[in-house]
């Protein structure tokens, strides 16, 4: 099974998978609405607007495993993201990214090492996994801001001119 075969659900409960984005660069981010890093939503939306028409999408994955910072229902999450940050990128259903109930997508993604060579559990909200159009994954820890040179350069290397 590849990343593209793993069954997913949208925030509204519709079945989907990464196959819907095959051939695009996808930034998978575990998000939360009550976190000190929540303002990263603005930067993620900016990336979506800047690169969305060039073969790129952000894919938000709400997660409540870090200090209960995403307690809302799907409707509350959607409303918050839309009203507060104008989020237009797709969102998946609330998902566990660590532990025994870790979603199969994150079972695969967390095997990828970050820039320092560390793989394993997601450290906190807003950890980022950039999937190339060919399915290769690059990992960015939560402190890497969406506007950072490191992340923008990696995205620009993957999108069409």
Protein backbone atom coordinates (compact mmCIF):
# COMPACT_ATOMS: atom_id res chain seq x y z
CA UNK A 1 0.00 0.00 0.00
CA UNK A 2 1.25 3.48 -0.85
CA UNK A 3 0.36 6.82 0.74
CA UNK A 4 -2.09 7.30 -2.12
CA UNK A 5 -4.05 4.14 -1.23
CA UNK A 6 -4.74 4.97 2.43
CA UNK A 7 -8.45 5.69 2.97
CA UNK A 8 -9.14 9.13 4.43
CA UNK A 9 -12.26 11.14 5.28
CA UNK A 10 -12.87 14.82 4.72
CA UNK A 11 -13.93 17.07 7.59
CA UNK A 12 -17.51 16.62 6.36
CA UNK A 13 -17.17 12.81 6.47
CA UNK A 14 -16.81 12.12 2.74
CA UNK A 15 -14.39 9.35 1.69
CA UNK A 16 -11.20 10.56 0.02
CA UNK A 17 -7.53 9.64 -0.29
CA UNK A 18 -4.27 11.21 -1.35
CA UNK A 19 -4.93 9.68 -4.77
CA UNK A 20 -7.14 12.74 -5.32
CA UNK A 21 -3.92 14.79 -5.17
CA UNK A 22 -1.55 12.43 -6.98
CA UNK A 23 0.77 14.38 -9.25
CA UNK A 24 0.58 17.44 -6.98
CA UNK A 25 2.74 18.61 -4.11
CA UNK A 26 0.77 18.20 -0.86
CA UNK A 27 1.61 19.73 2.51
CA UNK A 28 -0.06 17.58 5.19
CA UNK A 29 -0.30 19.50 8.48
CA UNK A 30 -1.84 18.41 11.79
CA UNK A 31 -3.72 21.50 12.91
CA UNK A 32 -5.42 22.80 16.06
CA UNK A 33 -7.53 25.87 16.77
CA UNK A 34 -6.46 26.54 20.37
CA UNK A 35 -2.69 26.34 20.12
CA UNK A 36 0.04 28.95 20.32
CA UNK A 37 0.92 27.92 16.76
CA UNK A 38 -2.65 28.37 15.46
CA UNK A 39 -1.69 31.63 13.69
CA UNK A 40 0.23 29.38 11.26
CA UNK A 41 -3.18 28.87 9.61
CA UNK A 42 -2.70 32.32 8.02
CA UNK A 43 0.64 31.28 6.50
CA UNK A 44 -0.77 27.96 5.34
CA UNK A 45 -3.64 29.75 3.60
CA UNK A 46 -1.13 32.11 1.97
CA UNK A 47 0.80 29.09 0.62
CA UNK A 48 -2.48 27.69 -0.72
CA UNK A 49 -3.28 30.95 -2.50
CA UNK A 50 0.24 31.42 -3.82
CA UNK A 51 0.85 27.90 -5.12
CA UNK A 52 -2.61 26.32 -5.43
CA UNK A 53 -2.84 26.85 -9.15
CA UNK A 54 0.68 25.52 -9.65
CA UNK A 55 0.06 21.91 -8.58
CA UNK A 56 0.09 22.34 -4.79
CA UNK A 57 -2.34 22.01 -1.90
CA UNK A 58 -2.27 22.22 1.86
CA UNK A 59 -4.20 19.42 3.55
CA UNK A 60 -5.22 20.21 7.13
CA UNK A 61 -5.60 17.36 9.60
CA UNK A 62 -7.23 18.45 12.88
CA UNK A 63 -5.82 16.61 15.89
CA UNK A 64 -6.77 16.82 19.58
CA UNK A 65 -3.84 14.79 20.96
CA UNK A 66 -1.75 17.76 22.11
CA UNK A 67 -3.12 19.29 25.33
CA UNK A 68 -6.68 19.02 23.99
CA UNK A 69 -6.13 22.00 21.69
CA UNK A 70 -8.61 20.86 19.02
CA UNK A 71 -11.73 19.94 21.03
CA UNK A 72 -14.34 21.12 18.53
CA UNK A 73 -16.74 19.21 16.32
CA UNK A 74 -16.20 19.09 12.57
CA UNK A 75 -18.66 21.97 12.18
CA UNK A 76 -16.90 24.06 14.83
CA UNK A 77 -13.49 23.42 13.25
CA UNK A 78 -14.77 24.34 9.79
CA UNK A 79 -16.44 27.50 11.10
CA UNK A 80 -13.34 28.58 13.05
CA UNK A 81 -10.97 28.01 10.11
CA UNK A 82 -13.22 29.80 7.66
CA UNK A 83 -14.20 32.76 9.84
CA UNK A 84 -10.86 33.34 11.56
CA UNK A 85 -8.33 32.56 8.81
CA UNK A 86 -10.35 32.33 5.59
CA UNK A 87 -9.11 28.78 5.06
CA UNK A 88 -9.86 27.45 1.58
CA UNK A 89 -7.61 24.39 1.58
CA UNK A 90 -9.11 20.93 2.16
CA UNK A 91 -9.44 19.59 5.68
CA UNK A 92 -9.65 15.98 6.82
CA UNK A 93 -11.61 14.63 9.77
CA UNK A 94 -10.11 14.90 13.25
CA UNK A 95 -7.38 12.26 13.44
CA UNK A 96 -4.93 10.76 15.90
CA UNK A 97 -1.35 11.20 14.70
CA UNK A 98 0.42 9.31 17.51
CA UNK A 99 -0.10 6.25 19.70
CA UNK A 100 -2.08 3.04 19.32
CA UNK A 101 -4.91 4.84 17.50
CA UNK A 102 -2.55 6.60 15.06
CA UNK A 103 -4.14 6.90 11.63
CA UNK A 104 -2.47 4.73 8.94
CA UNK A 105 -1.48 7.91 7.05
CA UNK A 106 0.54 9.05 10.05
CA UNK A 107 1.90 5.54 10.61
CA UNK A 108 3.59 6.03 7.23
CA UNK A 109 4.48 9.72 7.52
CA UNK A 110 6.12 9.42 10.95
CA UNK A 111 8.65 6.94 9.55
CA UNK A 112 10.20 9.86 7.68
CA UNK A 113 13.08 11.63 9.42
CA UNK A 114 13.26 15.40 9.82
CA UNK A 115 16.25 17.58 8.85
CA UNK A 116 18.12 16.42 11.98
CA UNK A 117 17.55 12.75 11.14
CA UNK A 118 14.84 12.10 13.76
CA UNK A 119 11.79 10.07 12.79
CA UNK A 120 8.99 8.90 15.06
CA UNK A 121 6.08 10.59 16.76
CA UNK A 122 4.68 13.96 15.75
CA UNK A 123 6.06 16.43 18.31
CA UNK A 124 3.19 18.95 18.44
CA UNK A 125 0.49 20.68 16.43
CA UNK A 126 1.45 22.06 13.00
CA UNK A 127 4.06 19.46 12.12
CA UNK A 128 4.34 19.41 8.33
CA UNK A 129 4.93 16.66 5.78
CA UNK A 130 5.56 17.80 2.21
CA UNK A 131 4.71 15.05 -0.29
CA UNK A 132 6.22 15.52 -3.75
CA UNK A 133 4.24 14.76 -6.91
CA UNK A 134 6.25 11.50 -7.03
CA UNK A 135 5.27 10.55 -3.46
CA UNK A 136 8.54 11.42 -1.69
CA UNK A 137 8.10 12.93 1.78
CA UNK A 138 10.04 15.72 3.52
CA UNK A 139 9.32 16.42 7.18
CA UNK A 140 9.23 19.82 8.87
CA UNK A 141 8.78 20.16 12.62
CA UNK A 142 6.12 22.49 14.12
CA UNK A 143 8.51 25.42 14.60
CA UNK A 144 9.08 25.67 10.84
CA UNK A 145 6.72 28.51 9.88
CA UNK A 146 4.79 28.30 6.61
CA UNK A 147 6.61 31.44 5.40
CA UNK A 148 10.07 30.07 6.25
CA UNK A 149 12.66 30.03 3.49
CA UNK A 150 13.24 26.34 4.19
CA UNK A 151 9.63 25.36 3.50
CA UNK A 152 8.95 27.82 0.66
CA UNK A 153 12.10 26.70 -1.17
CA UNK A 154 11.04 23.06 -0.84
CA UNK A 155 7.55 23.84 -2.20
CA UNK A 156 8.89 25.92 -5.08
CA UNK A 157 11.15 23.04 -6.11
CA UNK A 158 8.05 20.87 -6.56
CA UNK A 159 5.48 23.11 -8.23
CA UNK A 160 5.13 24.04 -11.88
CA UNK A 161 6.36 27.42 -13.11
